[in-house]
C-alpha atoms as a PDB file:
ATOM      1  CA  MET A   1      -5.233  20.798  35.997  1.00  0.00           C
ATOM      2  CA  PRO A   2      -2.038  20.574  37.904  1.00  0.00           C
ATOM      3  CA  ALA A   3      -2.379  18.481  40.906  1.00  0.00           C
ATOM      4  CA  CYS A   4      -0.592  17.189  43.983  1.00  0.00           C
ATOM      5  CA  ILE A   5      -0.011  13.810  43.569  1.00  0.00           C
ATOM      6  CA  PHE A   6       0.395  11.358  46.676  1.00  0.00           C
ATOM      7  CA  LEU A   7       1.222   7.437  46.271  1.00  0.00           C
ATOM      8  CA  LEU A   8       0.413   5.402  49.325  1.00  0.00           C
ATOM      9  CA  PRO A   9       2.211   2.158  48.794  1.00  0.00           C
ATOM     10  CA  ASN A  10       0.692  -0.876  50.270  1.00  0.00           C
ATOM     11  CA  SER A  11      -2.389   0.847  51.837  1.00  0.00           C
ATOM     12  CA  LEU A  12      -5.214  -1.080  50.089  1.00  0.00           C
ATOM     13  CA  PRO A  13      -6.359  -3.555  52.850  1.00  0.00           C
ATOM     14  CA  SER A  14      -7.463  -7.141  51.692  1.00  0.00           C
ATOM     15  CA  PRO A  15     -10.986  -8.193  52.616  1.00  0.00           C
ATOM     16  CA  ASN A  16      -9.921 -10.421  55.294  1.00  0.00           C
ATOM     17  CA  GLU A  17      -7.742  -7.167  56.547  1.00  0.00           C
ATOM     18  CA  ILE A  18     -10.873  -5.050  56.502  1.00  0.00           C
ATOM     19  CA  LYS A  19     -12.941  -7.675  58.281  1.00  0.00           C
ATOM     20  CA  ALA A  20     -10.301  -7.752  60.806  1.00  0.00           C
ATOM     21  CA  LEU A  21     -10.287  -4.088  61.254  1.00  0.00           C
ATOM     22  CA  GLY A  22     -13.983  -3.822  61.834  1.00  0.00           C
ATOM     23  CA  LYS A  23     -15.293  -0.408  62.440  1.00  0.00           C
ATOM     24  CA  ASP A  24     -11.717   0.795  62.515  1.00  0.00           C
ATOM     25  CA  ALA A  25     -11.167   0.163  58.805  1.00  0.00           C
ATOM     26  CA  TYR A  26     -12.172   3.707  57.665  1.00  0.00           C
ATOM     27  CA  PRO A  27     -10.644   6.086  60.120  1.00  0.00           C
ATOM     28  CA  PRO A  28     -12.547   9.446  60.743  1.00  0.00           C
ATOM     29  CA  VAL A  29      -9.412  11.333  59.791  1.00  0.00           C
ATOM     30  CA  LEU A  30      -9.342   9.925  56.452  1.00  0.00           C
ATOM     31  CA  ARG A  31     -13.251  10.231  55.876  1.00  0.00           C
ATOM     32  CA  ASN A  32     -13.003  14.053  56.994  1.00  0.00           C
ATOM     33  CA  PHE A  33     -10.022  14.778  54.372  1.00  0.00           C
ATOM     34  CA  LEU A  34     -11.924  12.977  51.695  1.00  0.00           C
ATOM     35  CA  GLU A  35     -14.903  15.102  51.878  1.00  0.00           C
ATOM     36  CA  GLY A  36     -15.581  16.647  48.337  1.00  0.00           C
ATOM     37  CA  PHE A  37     -13.620  13.739  46.456  1.00  0.00           C
ATOM     38  CA  GLY A  38     -15.126  12.214  43.589  1.00  0.00           C
ATOM     39  CA  GLU A  39     -15.801   8.666  43.128  1.00  0.00           C
ATOM     40  CA  PRO A  40     -12.590   6.515  42.941  1.00  0.00           C
ATOM     41  CA  LYS A  41     -11.160   4.654  39.787  1.00  0.00           C
ATOM     42  CA  VAL A  42      -9.560   1.160  39.948  1.00  0.00           C
ATOM     43  CA  ALA A  43      -6.980  -0.010  37.859  1.00  0.00           C
ATOM     44  CA  THR A  44      -5.305  -3.573  37.469  1.00  0.00           C
ATOM     45  CA  ILE A  45      -1.502  -3.037  36.846  1.00  0.00           C
ATOM     46  CA  PHE A  46      -0.994  -6.725  36.549  1.00  0.00           C
ATOM     47  CA  GLU A  47      -3.310  -9.728  36.098  1.00  0.00           C
ATOM     48  CA  ASN A  48      -0.326 -12.038  36.915  1.00  0.00           C
ATOM     49  CA  PRO A  49      -0.114 -12.912  40.625  1.00  0.00           C
ATOM     50  CA  ALA A  50       3.681 -13.865  39.966  1.00  0.00           C
ATOM     51  CA  LEU A  51       4.119  -9.928  39.625  1.00  0.00           C
ATOM     52  CA  SER A  52       2.079  -9.192  42.699  1.00  0.00           C
ATOM     53  CA  GLY A  53       4.217  -6.841  44.965  1.00  0.00           C
ATOM     54  CA  PHE A  54       5.374  -4.609  42.189  1.00  0.00           C
ATOM     55  CA  ALA A  55       2.519  -2.451  41.337  1.00  0.00           C
ATOM     56  CA  SER A  56       3.453   0.650  43.159  1.00  0.00           C
ATOM     57  CA  MET A  57       6.925   0.622  41.434  1.00  0.00           C
ATOM     58  CA  GLN A  58       5.344  -0.100  37.980  1.00  0.00           C
ATOM     59  CA  TRP A  59       2.845   2.753  38.490  1.00  0.00           C
ATOM     60  CA  VAL A  60       5.498   5.172  39.179  1.00  0.00           C
ATOM     61  CA  TRP A  61       7.459   3.956  36.042  1.00  0.00           C
ATOM     62  CA  MET A  62       4.430   4.520  34.038  1.00  0.00           C
ATOM     63  CA  LEU A  63       3.600   7.963  35.647  1.00  0.00           C
ATOM     64  CA  LEU A  64       6.956   9.168  34.827  1.00  0.00           C
ATOM     65  CA  THR A  65       8.005   7.963  31.613  1.00  0.00           C
ATOM     66  CA  GLN A  66       4.557   7.293  29.932  1.00  0.00           C
ATOM     67  CA  ARG A  67       5.744   3.776  29.136  1.00  0.00           C
ATOM     68  CA  GLU A  68       4.182   0.565  29.816  1.00  0.00           C
ATOM     69  CA  ASN A  69       7.041  -2.014  29.588  1.00  0.00           C
ATOM     70  CA  LEU A  70       7.984  -3.986  32.843  1.00  0.00           C
ATOM     71  CA  ALA A  71      10.044  -1.438  34.800  1.00  0.00           C
ATOM     72  CA  PRO A  72      13.895  -2.327  34.742  1.00  0.00           C
ATOM     73  CA  THR A  73      14.756  -0.627  37.793  1.00  0.00           C
ATOM     74  CA  ALA A  74      18.559  -1.789  38.416  1.00  0.00           C
ATOM     75  CA  PRO A  75      20.208   1.098  36.284  1.00  0.00           C
ATOM     76  CA  TYR A  76      18.127   3.630  38.099  1.00  0.00           C
ATOM     77  CA  LEU A  77      18.698   2.451  41.217  1.00  0.00           C
ATOM     78  CA  TRP A  78      22.263   2.711  40.411  1.00  0.00           C
ATOM     79  CA  LYS A  79      21.815   6.435  39.236  1.00  0.00           C
ATOM     80  CA  GLY A  80      19.396   7.065  42.315  1.00  0.00           C
ATOM     81  CA  LEU A  81      22.357   6.196  44.690  1.00  0.00           C
ATOM     82  CA  GLY A  82      24.612   8.509  42.905  1.00  0.00           C
ATOM     83  CA  GLY A  83      26.454   5.852  40.699  1.00  0.00           C
ATOM     84  CA  PRO A  84      28.324   7.745  37.629  1.00  0.00           C
ATOM     85  CA  LYS A  85      26.992   7.246  34.094  1.00  0.00           C
ATOM     86  CA  VAL A  86      28.431   3.598  32.943  1.00  0.00           C
ATOM     87  CA  HIS A  87      27.707   2.446  29.318  1.00  0.00           C
ATOM     88  CA  GLN A  88      26.770  -1.056  30.753  1.00  0.00           C
ATOM     89  CA  GLU A  89      23.752  -3.052  31.512  1.00  0.00           C
ATOM     90  CA  PHE A  90      22.948  -3.073  35.140  1.00  0.00           C
ATOM     91  CA  TRP A  91      21.261  -5.776  36.982  1.00  0.00           C
ATOM     92  CA  ALA A  92      20.442  -5.708  40.840  1.00  0.00           C
ATOM     93  CA  LEU A  93      21.727  -8.653  42.959  1.00  0.00           C
ATOM     94  CA  ASN A  94      19.223  -9.164  45.988  1.00  0.00           C
ATOM     95  CA  GLY A  95      20.381 -11.299  48.900  1.00  0.00           C
ATOM     96  CA  TYR A  96      18.004 -14.542  49.866  1.00  0.00           C
ATOM     97  CA  ARG A  97      17.744 -17.541  52.180  1.00  0.00           C
ATOM     98  CA  ILE A  98      15.450 -20.019  51.513  1.00  0.00           C
ATOM     99  CA  GLU A  99      12.499 -21.324  54.128  1.00  0.00           C
ATOM    100  CA  ASN A 100      10.350 -24.328  52.991  1.00  0.00           C
ATOM    101  CA  GLY A 101      11.095 -23.642  49.398  1.00  0.00           C
ATOM    102  CA  VAL A 102      10.405 -19.688  49.609  1.00  0.00           C
ATOM    103  CA  LEU A 103      12.622 -17.013  49.216  1.00  0.00           C
ATOM    104  CA  LYS A 104      12.953 -14.477  52.162  1.00  0.00           C
ATOM    105  CA  SER A 105      15.162 -11.496  52.026  1.00  0.00           C
ATOM    106  CA  ALA A 106      18.460 -11.670  53.669  1.00  0.00           C
ATOM    107  CA  GLY A 107      19.409  -8.397  53.041  1.00  0.00           C
ATOM    108  CA  ASP A 108      20.454  -5.888  50.341  1.00  0.00           C
ATOM    109  CA  ILE A 109      22.933  -3.644  51.852  1.00  0.00           C
ATOM    110  CA  PHE A 110      26.215  -4.875  53.114  1.00  0.00           C
ATOM    111  CA  ASP A 111      28.618  -3.382  55.591  1.00  0.00           C
ATOM    112  CA  ILE A 112      32.462  -2.763  54.266  1.00  0.00           C
ATOM    113  CA  ASP A 113      33.756  -6.012  55.794  1.00  0.00           C
ATOM    114  CA  GLU A 114      31.057  -8.031  53.989  1.00  0.00           C
ATOM    115  CA  GLU A 115      31.511  -6.138  50.971  1.00  0.00           C
ATOM    116  CA  CYS A 116      35.118  -7.137  50.743  1.00  0.00           C
ATOM    117  CA  ASP A 117      34.261 -10.578  51.293  1.00  0.00           C
ATOM    118  CA  LEU A 118      31.440 -10.606  48.619  1.00  0.00           C
ATOM    119  CA  ARG A 119      33.675  -9.063  46.012  1.00  0.00           C
ATOM    120  CA  ASP A 120      36.143 -11.890  46.439  1.00  0.00           C
ATOM    121  CA  LEU A 121      33.372 -14.534  46.300  1.00  0.00           C
ATOM    122  CA  LEU A 122      31.339 -13.150  43.564  1.00  0.00           C
ATOM    123  CA  ASN A 123      34.067 -11.637  41.254  1.00  0.00           C
ATOM    124  CA  PRO A 124      35.355 -15.098  39.820  1.00  0.00           C
ATOM    125  CA  VAL A 125      31.795 -16.220  39.072  1.00  0.00           C
ATOM    126  CA  ALA A 126      30.787 -12.663  37.390  1.00  0.00           C
ATOM    127  CA  ARG A 127      33.930 -13.274  34.868  1.00  0.00           C
ATOM    128  CA  GLN A 128      32.739 -16.708  34.046  1.00  0.00           C
ATOM    129  CA  PHE A 129      29.669 -14.924  32.331  1.00  0.00           C
ATOM    130  CA  ASP A 130      31.062 -11.958  31.125  1.00  0.00           C
ATOM    131  CA  PHE A 131      30.235  -9.628  34.006  1.00  0.00           C
ATOM    132  CA  GLU A 132      31.791  -7.220  36.336  1.00  0.00           C
ATOM    133  CA  VAL A 133      30.762  -6.806  39.956  1.00  0.00           C
ATOM    134  CA  GLN A 134      29.849  -3.061  40.751  1.00  0.00           C
ATOM    135  CA  VAL A 135      29.077  -1.884  44.377  1.00  0.00           C
ATOM    136  CA  LEU A 136      27.766   1.247  45.482  1.00  0.00           C
ATOM    137  CA  ASP A 137      26.552   1.982  49.164  1.00  0.00           C
ATOM    138  CA  GLY A 138      26.704  -1.704  50.162  1.00  0.00           C
ATOM    139  CA  ARG A 139      24.550  -2.667  47.488  1.00  0.00           C
ATOM    140  CA  PHE A 140      25.700  -5.162  44.562  1.00  0.00           C
ATOM    141  CA  PHE A 141      25.158  -5.133  40.706  1.00  0.00           C
ATOM    142  CA  LEU A 142      26.269  -7.216  37.994  1.00  0.00           C
ATOM    143  CA  ALA A 143      27.172  -4.915  34.827  1.00  0.00           C
ATOM    144  CA  ARG A 144      28.168  -6.098  31.092  1.00  0.00           C
ATOM    145  CA  LYS A 145      28.554  -4.298  27.869  1.00  0.00           C
ATOM    146  CA  LYS A 146      26.240  -6.651  25.914  1.00  0.00           C
ATOM    147  CA  ALA A 147      22.468  -7.175  26.536  1.00  0.00           C
ATOM    148  CA  TRP A 148      21.723 -10.147  28.658  1.00  0.00           C
ATOM    149  CA  GLN A 149      18.386 -11.726  27.153  1.00  0.00           C
ATOM    150  CA  VAL A 150      16.587 -13.015  30.274  1.00  0.00           C
ATOM    151  CA  LEU A 151      13.249 -12.258  31.690  1.00  0.00           C
ATOM    152  CA  ILE A 152      12.765 -12.769  35.377  1.00  0.00           C
ATOM    153  CA  ALA A 153      10.541 -11.331  38.034  1.00  0.00           C
ATOM    154  CA  PRO A 154      11.668  -8.132  39.950  1.00  0.00           C
ATOM    155  CA  TRP A 155      12.829  -8.935  43.615  1.00  0.00           C
ATOM    156  CA  LEU A 156       9.889  -6.694  44.811  1.00  0.00           C
ATOM    157  CA  ALA A 157       7.708  -9.449  43.038  1.00  0.00           C
ATOM    158  CA  GLN A 158       9.758 -12.562  44.022  1.00  0.00           C
ATOM    159  CA  GLU A 159      10.030 -11.942  47.787  1.00  0.00           C
ATOM    160  CA  ASN A 160       8.149 -14.492  50.023  1.00  0.00           C
ATOM    161  CA  LYS A 161       7.268 -16.719  47.227  1.00  0.00           C
ATOM    162  CA  GLU A 162       8.805 -19.678  45.569  1.00  0.00           C
ATOM    163  CA  PRO A 163      11.281 -18.837  43.098  1.00  0.00           C
ATOM    164  CA  ALA A 164       9.885 -17.787  39.746  1.00  0.00           C
ATOM    165  CA  GLN A 165      10.597 -19.514  36.251  1.00  0.00           C
ATOM    166  CA  THR A 166      12.962 -17.713  34.011  1.00  0.00           C
ATOM    167  CA  ALA A 167      12.109 -16.957  30.446  1.00  0.00           C
ATOM    168  CA  GLY A 168      14.166 -15.550  27.448  1.00  0.00           C
ATOM    169  CA  PRO A 169      17.242 -16.866  25.321  1.00  0.00           C
ATOM    170  CA  GLN A 170      19.677 -16.972  27.993  1.00  0.00           C
ATOM    171  CA  ALA A 171      17.390 -18.255  30.751  1.00  0.00           C
ATOM    172  CA  ALA A 172      19.625 -21.053  31.340  1.00  0.00           C
ATOM    173  CA  GLU A 173      22.518 -19.127  31.867  1.00  0.00           C
ATOM    174  CA  TRP A 174      20.784 -17.038  34.635  1.00  0.00           C
ATOM    175  CA  THR A 175      19.937 -20.508  36.205  1.00  0.00           C
ATOM    176  CA  GLU A 176      23.615 -21.491  36.017  1.00  0.00           C
ATOM    177  CA  ILE A 177      25.172 -18.261  37.356  1.00  0.00           C
ATOM    178  CA  THR A 178      22.557 -18.269  40.050  1.00  0.00           C
ATOM    179  CA  ARG A 179      23.377 -21.968  41.027  1.00  0.00           C
ATOM    180  CA  ALA A 180      27.337 -20.922  40.920  1.00  0.00           C
ATOM    181  CA  ILE A 181      26.740 -18.148  43.425  1.00  0.00           C
ATOM    182  CA  GLU A 182      24.509 -20.444  45.777  1.00  0.00           C
ATOM    183  CA  ASP A 183      27.454 -22.978  45.726  1.00  0.00           C
ATOM    184  CA  SER A 184      30.259 -20.341  46.415  1.00  0.00           C
ATOM    185  CA  LEU A 185      28.292 -19.018  49.179  1.00  0.00           C
ATOM    186  CA  ALA A 186      27.647 -22.501  50.570  1.00  0.00           C
ATOM    187  CA  LYS A 187      31.226 -23.372  50.525  1.00  0.00           C
ATOM    188  CA  SER A 188      32.689 -20.104  52.032  1.00  0.00           C
ATOM    189  CA  ALA A 189      32.781 -18.965  55.602  1.00  0.00           C
ATOM    190  CA  PHE A 190      30.953 -15.779  55.025  1.00  0.00           C
ATOM    191  CA  ASN A 191      27.610 -16.965  56.424  1.00  0.00           C
ATOM    192  CA  GLU A 192      29.516 -17.922  59.573  1.00  0.00           C
ATOM    193  CA  PHE A 193      30.759 -14.483  60.222  1.00  0.00           C
ATOM    194  CA  ARG A 194      27.024 -13.181  59.484  1.00  0.00           C
ATOM    195  CA  ALA A 195      25.721 -15.702  62.200  1.00  0.00           C
ATOM    196  CA  LYS A 196      28.276 -14.070  65.009  1.00  0.00           C
ATOM    197  CA  ALA A 197      26.875 -10.875  64.075  1.00  0.00           C
ATOM    198  CA  GLY A 198      23.383 -12.070  64.636  1.00  0.00           C
ATOM    199  CA  ARG A 199      22.530 -11.458  60.648  1.00  0.00           C
ATOM    200  CA  PRO A 200      20.468 -14.139  58.422  1.00  0.00           C
ATOM    201  CA  PRO A 201      22.579 -16.274  56.233  1.00  0.00           C
ATOM    202  CA  VAL A 202      22.854 -15.181  52.539  1.00  0.00           C
ATOM    203  CA  GLU A 203      22.293 -18.587  50.481  1.00  0.00           C
ATOM    204  CA  GLY A 204      22.027 -16.490  47.054  1.00  0.00           C
ATOM    205  CA  PHE A 205      21.344 -13.535  45.112  1.00  0.00           C
ATOM    206  CA  TRP A 206      18.436 -12.781  42.973  1.00  0.00           C
ATOM    207  CA  ILE A 207      19.565 -11.421  39.902  1.00  0.00           C
ATOM    208  CA  ASN A 208      17.003  -8.952  38.334  1.00  0.00           C
ATOM    209  CA  ASP A 209      15.631  -5.999  36.784  1.00  0.00           C
ATOM    210  CA  GLY A 210      18.448  -5.385  34.259  1.00  0.00           C
ATOM    211  CA  ALA A 211      18.697  -2.836  31.583  1.00  0.00           C
ATOM    212  CA  PHE A 212      21.081  -0.142  30.148  1.00  0.00           C
ATOM    213  CA  GLU A 213      20.331   3.429  31.653  1.00  0.00           C
ATOM    214  CA  GLU A 214      18.757   5.521  29.170  1.00  0.00           C
ATOM    215  CA  GLN A 215      17.272   9.293  29.231  1.00  0.00           C
ATOM    216  CA  LEU A 216      13.433   8.805  29.367  1.00  0.00           C
ATOM    217  CA  LEU A 217      12.013  10.709  26.880  1.00  0.00           C
ATOM    218  CA  PRO A 218       9.734  12.555  26.108  1.00  0.00           C
ATOM    219  CA  TYR A 219      10.312  14.129  29.685  1.00  0.00           C
ATOM    220  CA  THR A 220       7.729  14.181  32.300  1.00  0.00           C
ATOM    221  CA  GLN A 221       5.429  17.125  32.955  1.00  0.00           C
ATOM    222  CA  ILE A 222       5.732  16.622  36.705  1.00  0.00           C
ATOM    223  CA  ARG A 223       8.009  19.395  38.488  1.00  0.00           C
ATOM    224  CA  CYS A 224       9.234  17.872  41.654  1.00  0.00           C
ATOM    225  CA  ALA A 225       9.133  14.351  43.415  1.00  0.00           C
ATOM    226  CA  LEU A 226       9.460  13.859  47.269  1.00  0.00           C
ATOM    227  CA  THR A 227      10.569  10.266  47.933  1.00  0.00           C
ATOM    228  CA  SER A 228      13.237   8.104  49.827  1.00  0.00           C
ATOM    229  CA  ASP A 229      13.561   5.214  47.322  1.00  0.00           C
ATOM    230  CA  PRO A 230      16.739   5.492  45.652  1.00  0.00           C
ATOM    231  CA  THR A 231      15.357   3.808  42.563  1.00  0.00           C
ATOM    232  CA  ILE A 232      12.617   6.228  42.109  1.00  0.00           C
ATOM    233  CA  ARG A 233      14.911   9.205  42.469  1.00  0.00           C
ATOM    234  CA  GLY A 234      16.716   7.543  39.737  1.00  0.00           C
ATOM    235  CA  ILE A 235      13.875   7.277  37.474  1.00  0.00           C
ATOM    236  CA  ALA A 236      12.628  10.645  38.245  1.00  0.00           C
ATOM    237  CA  GLU A 237      15.978  12.263  37.279  1.00  0.00           C
ATOM    238  CA  ALA A 238      16.075  10.192  34.141  1.00  0.00           C
ATOM    239  CA  ALA A 239      12.807  11.345  33.393  1.00  0.00           C
ATOM    240  CA  GLY A 240      13.616  15.010  33.284  1.00  0.00           C
ATOM    241  CA  ILE A 241      12.938  16.031  36.917  1.00  0.00           C
ATOM    242  CA  ALA A 242      15.887  18.221  37.984  1.00  0.00           C
ATOM    243  CA  ARG A 243      18.104  16.901  40.928  1.00  0.00           C
ATOM    244  CA  ALA A 244      17.555  20.041  42.839  1.00  0.00           C
ATOM    245  CA  TYR A 245      13.502  19.292  42.791  1.00  0.00           C
ATOM    246  CA  ILE A 246      14.095  15.433  43.992  1.00  0.00           C
ATOM    247  CA  LYS A 247      13.927  15.609  47.631  1.00  0.00           C
ATOM    248  CA  SER A 248      13.133  12.892  50.585  1.00  0.00           C
ATOM    249  CA  SER A 249       9.754  11.724  51.402  1.00  0.00           C
ATOM    250  CA  THR A 250       9.515  13.839  54.588  1.00  0.00           C
ATOM    251  CA  ALA A 251      10.837  17.245  52.923  1.00  0.00           C
ATOM    252  CA  ALA A 252       9.049  20.154  52.152  1.00  0.00           C
ATOM    253  CA  TRP A 253       8.234  21.041  48.507  1.00  0.00           C
ATOM    254  CA  PRO A 254      11.116  22.522  46.524  1.00  0.00           C
ATOM    255  CA  ASP A 255      10.680  25.798  45.030  1.00  0.00           C
ATOM    256  CA  CYS A 256       9.858  24.526  41.688  1.00  0.00           C
ATOM    257  CA  PRO A 257       7.734  25.997  38.677  1.00  0.00           C
ATOM    258  CA  GLU A 258       3.971  25.494  39.118  1.00  0.00           C
ATOM    259  CA  GLY A 259       2.584  22.097  38.135  1.00  0.00           C
ATOM    260  CA  ASP A 260       2.511  18.659  39.053  1.00  0.00           C
ATOM    261  CA  ARG A 261       3.792  17.489  42.312  1.00  0.00           C
ATOM    262  CA  PHE A 262       4.533  14.000  43.229  1.00  0.00           C
ATOM    263  CA  CYS A 263       5.078  12.558  46.893  1.00  0.00           C
ATOM    264  CA  ILE A 264       5.386   9.151  48.245  1.00  0.00           C
ATOM    265  CA  LEU A 265       4.144   8.487  51.639  1.00  0.00           C
ATOM    266  CA  ASP A 266       5.826   5.733  53.766  1.00  0.00           C
ATOM    267  CA  GLU A 267       3.449   4.920  56.295  1.00  0.00           C
ATOM    268  CA  PHE A 268       2.089   1.678  55.097  1.00  0.00           C
ATOM    269  CA  ASN A 269       5.545   0.289  54.081  1.00  0.00           C
ATOM    270  CA  ASP A 270       5.154  -2.013  57.108  1.00  0.00           C
ATOM    271  CA  PRO A 271       2.417  -4.800  56.342  1.00  0.00           C
ATOM    272  CA  THR A 272       1.616  -5.178  60.102  1.00  0.00           C
ATOM    273  CA  VAL A 273       0.153  -1.632  60.076  1.00  0.00           C
ATOM    274  CA  LYS A 274      -2.989  -3.216  58.435  1.00  0.00           C
ATOM    275  CA  ALA A 275      -3.009  -5.818  61.127  1.00  0.00           C
ATOM    276  CA  ASP A 276      -3.725  -3.527  64.259  1.00  0.00           C
ATOM    277  CA  PRO A 277      -6.671  -1.074  64.414  1.00  0.00           C
ATOM    278  CA  ALA A 278      -4.455   1.424  66.631  1.00  0.00           C
ATOM    279  CA  TYR A 279      -1.659   1.297  64.182  1.00  0.00           C
ATOM    280  CA  TRP A 280      -3.652   1.486  61.024  1.00  0.00           C
ATOM    281  CA  HIS A 281      -5.562   4.855  62.663  1.00  0.00           C
ATOM    282  CA  ALA A 282      -2.018   6.346  63.620  1.00  0.00           C
ATOM    283  CA  ALA A 283      -0.629   5.526  60.282  1.00  0.00           C
ATOM    284  CA  TRP A 284      -3.755   7.402  58.709  1.00  0.00           C
ATOM    285  CA  THR A 285      -3.473  10.332  60.900  1.00  0.00           C
ATOM    286  CA  ARG A 286       0.146  10.722  59.929  1.00  0.00           C
ATOM    287  CA  ALA A 287      -0.522  10.589  56.242  1.00  0.00           C
ATOM    288  CA  VAL A 288      -3.261  12.795  56.394  1.00  0.00           C
ATOM    289  CA  GLU A 289      -1.507  15.444  58.461  1.00  0.00           C
ATOM    290  CA  ARG A 290       1.333  15.222  55.895  1.00  0.00           C
ATOM    291  CA  MET A 291      -1.037  15.584  52.808  1.00  0.00           C
ATOM    292  CA  GLU A 292      -2.989  18.323  54.382  1.00  0.00           C
ATOM    293  CA  HIS A 293       0.373  20.305  54.832  1.00  0.00           C
ATOM    294  CA  LEU A 294       1.960  19.521  51.682  1.00  0.00           C
ATOM    295  CA  THR A 295      -1.492  20.590  49.650  1.00  0.00           C
ATOM    296  CA  ALA A 296      -1.472  23.920  51.780  1.00  0.00           C
ATOM    297  CA  THR A 297       1.967  24.870  51.051  1.00  0.00           C
ATOM    298  CA  ALA A 298       1.776  24.158  47.198  1.00  0.00           C
ATOM    299  CA  LYS A 299       2.000  27.187  45.323  1.00  0.00           C
ATOM    300  CA  GLY A 300      -0.047  26.936  41.924  1.00  0.00           C
ATOM    301  CA  PHE A 301      -3.502  25.455  41.058  1.00  0.00           C
ATOM    302  CA  GLU A 302      -2.385  22.145  42.278  1.00  0.00           C
ATOM    303  CA  LYS A 303      -3.084  23.045  45.977  1.00  0.00           C
ATOM    304  CA  TYR A 304      -6.682  22.721  44.887  1.00  0.00           C
ATOM    305  CA  HIS A 305      -6.510  19.503  43.354  1.00  0.00           C
ATOM    306  CA  PRO A 306      -4.992  16.664  45.540  1.00  0.00           C
ATOM    307  CA  ARG A 307      -5.055  13.203  43.701  1.00  0.00           C
ATOM    308  CA  LEU A 308      -4.461   9.880  46.139  1.00  0.00           C
ATOM    309  CA  VAL A 309      -3.233   6.803  44.611  1.00  0.00           C
ATOM    310  CA  ALA A 310      -3.544   3.837  46.961  1.00  0.00           C
ATOM    311  CA  SER A 311      -2.038   0.375  46.129  1.00  0.00           C
ATOM    312  CA  ASP A 312      -1.955  -3.367  47.057  1.00  0.00           C
ATOM    313  CA  GLY A 313       0.219  -6.068  45.172  1.00  0.00           C
ATOM    314  CA  LEU A 314      -1.548  -6.062  41.990  1.00  0.00           C
ATOM    315  CA  ARG A 315      -3.734  -2.723  41.729  1.00  0.00           C
ATOM    316  CA  ILE A 316      -4.219   0.774  42.250  1.00  0.00           C
ATOM    317  CA  SER A 317      -7.279   2.933  43.412  1.00  0.00           C
ATOM    318  CA  VAL A 318      -7.294   6.624  42.408  1.00  0.00           C
ATOM    319  CA  ILE A 319      -9.366   9.180  44.206  1.00  0.00           C
ATOM    320  CA  GLU A 320      -9.371  13.006  43.366  1.00  0.00           C
ATOM    321  CA  LYS A 321     -10.910  16.318  45.141  1.00  0.00           C
ATOM    322  CA  LEU A 322     -13.582  17.417  42.687  1.00  0.00           C
ATOM    323  CA  GLN A 323     -13.733  21.194  41.534  1.00  0.00           C
ATOM    324  CA  GLU A 324     -15.569  23.405  43.805  1.00  0.00           C
ATOM    325  CA  GLN A 325     -19.250  23.447  42.952  1.00  0.00           C
ATOM    326  CA  LYS A 326     -20.587  26.515  41.283  1.00  0.00           C
ATOM    327  CA  SER A 327     -24.275  26.337  41.840  1.00  0.00           C
ATOM    328  CA  SER A 328     -25.559  28.471  44.539  1.00  0.00           C
ATOM    329  CA  PHE A 329     -27.578  25.509  45.774  1.00  0.00           C
ATOM    330  CA  ALA A 330     -24.483  23.382  46.133  1.00  0.00           C
ATOM    331  CA  PHE A 331     -24.647  24.043  50.171  1.00  0.00           C
ATOM    332  CA  TRP A 332     -28.032  22.299  50.057  1.00  0.00           C
ATOM    333  CA  LYS A 333     -26.314  18.875  48.488  1.00  0.00           C
ATOM    334  CA  SER A 334     -24.892  16.512  50.601  1.00  0.00           C
ATOM    335  CA  PRO A 335     -21.983  14.736  48.556  1.00  0.00           C
ATOM    336  CA  LYS A 336     -21.265  11.154  49.038  1.00  0.00           C
ATOM    337  CA  ASN A 337     -18.336  10.176  51.142  1.00  0.00           C
ATOM    338  CA  TYR A 338     -16.118   7.383  48.975  1.00  0.00           C
ATOM    339  CA  THR A 339     -13.509   6.536  51.568  1.00  0.00           C
ATOM    340  CA  GLU A 340     -14.958   3.061  51.738  1.00  0.00           C
ATOM    341  CA  ALA A 341     -15.176   2.520  47.850  1.00  0.00           C
ATOM    342  CA  TRP A 342     -11.642   3.823  47.768  1.00  0.00           C
ATOM    343  CA  LEU A 343     -10.153   1.493  50.066  1.00  0.00           C
ATOM    344  CA  ASN A 344     -12.315  -1.450  49.119  1.00  0.00           C
ATOM    345  CA  SER A 345     -10.771  -0.921  45.699  1.00  0.00           C
ATOM    346  CA  GLY A 346     -13.966  -1.853  43.963  1.00  0.00           C
ATOM    347  CA  ARG A 347     -14.041  -5.502  45.646  1.00  0.00           C
END
């Protein structure tokens, strides 16, 4: 049956967060919305804690492409930003700073002045390793014609952790270019200008998620997608969703054919939402209002079948609305509310 599929990244609280939230962990607005929903199903996306933080992106990749390989997001970020088709392998560059051996984000988007300085700094290093520097909307990429045989953790899984180990035949080259970029940044005046502007230093770039862009066949049966994430927009388009049917996460459903509809809600992107009962309740209030509106405004049978997907770093928990009871005695029954089971994710 067609469904309205809602992904809520980072909305699964940990046991400690549930304990801290206390009686506010399961907001009444959510309980009311989940009346008539069935028992949740929990799936572990990754067993390896090194990939914690990438579960939502990986699940979207699997949903839209029906593929189970690790999502290669860099070429689809380029595509989602509106980049032209380039027959090269793209790798994303994510700026980092190092605190007590842990990599912290130093920014992924740079202004025009920083862009010029970084081009001058990165180009000589890139050419040594047969790469070209590509820039789009202040985001940096490395591109090359020949596949780079390197396996490395995606930045979404790497951030706030000690550097992961590389693998693959050219892993040593990845380490070499990464160190060369760190040395170039350390010797330049780039971070002096960053400091004057009140921005954190960029001590290096995490080179990750590389692949060639391809049309992701067979095409998805999902008709439209609401997301503000340019990577997911690029994946959705490559998977066969028409660009006119890919809108921002706050938009209304586009006028697309009946069938599955997909929306990503951003209310839980800030992890501090789960640390404060008032913020937690407010986030769920906004999310429920949004889902109620989108479900009501869907045009086909999907409006009767909302499917909610909550995620944490490694797992997803899915809960769906049951079909209406046909028995004349259904009103005597008091169906179980699975709100706690859903948010506890089977813990």
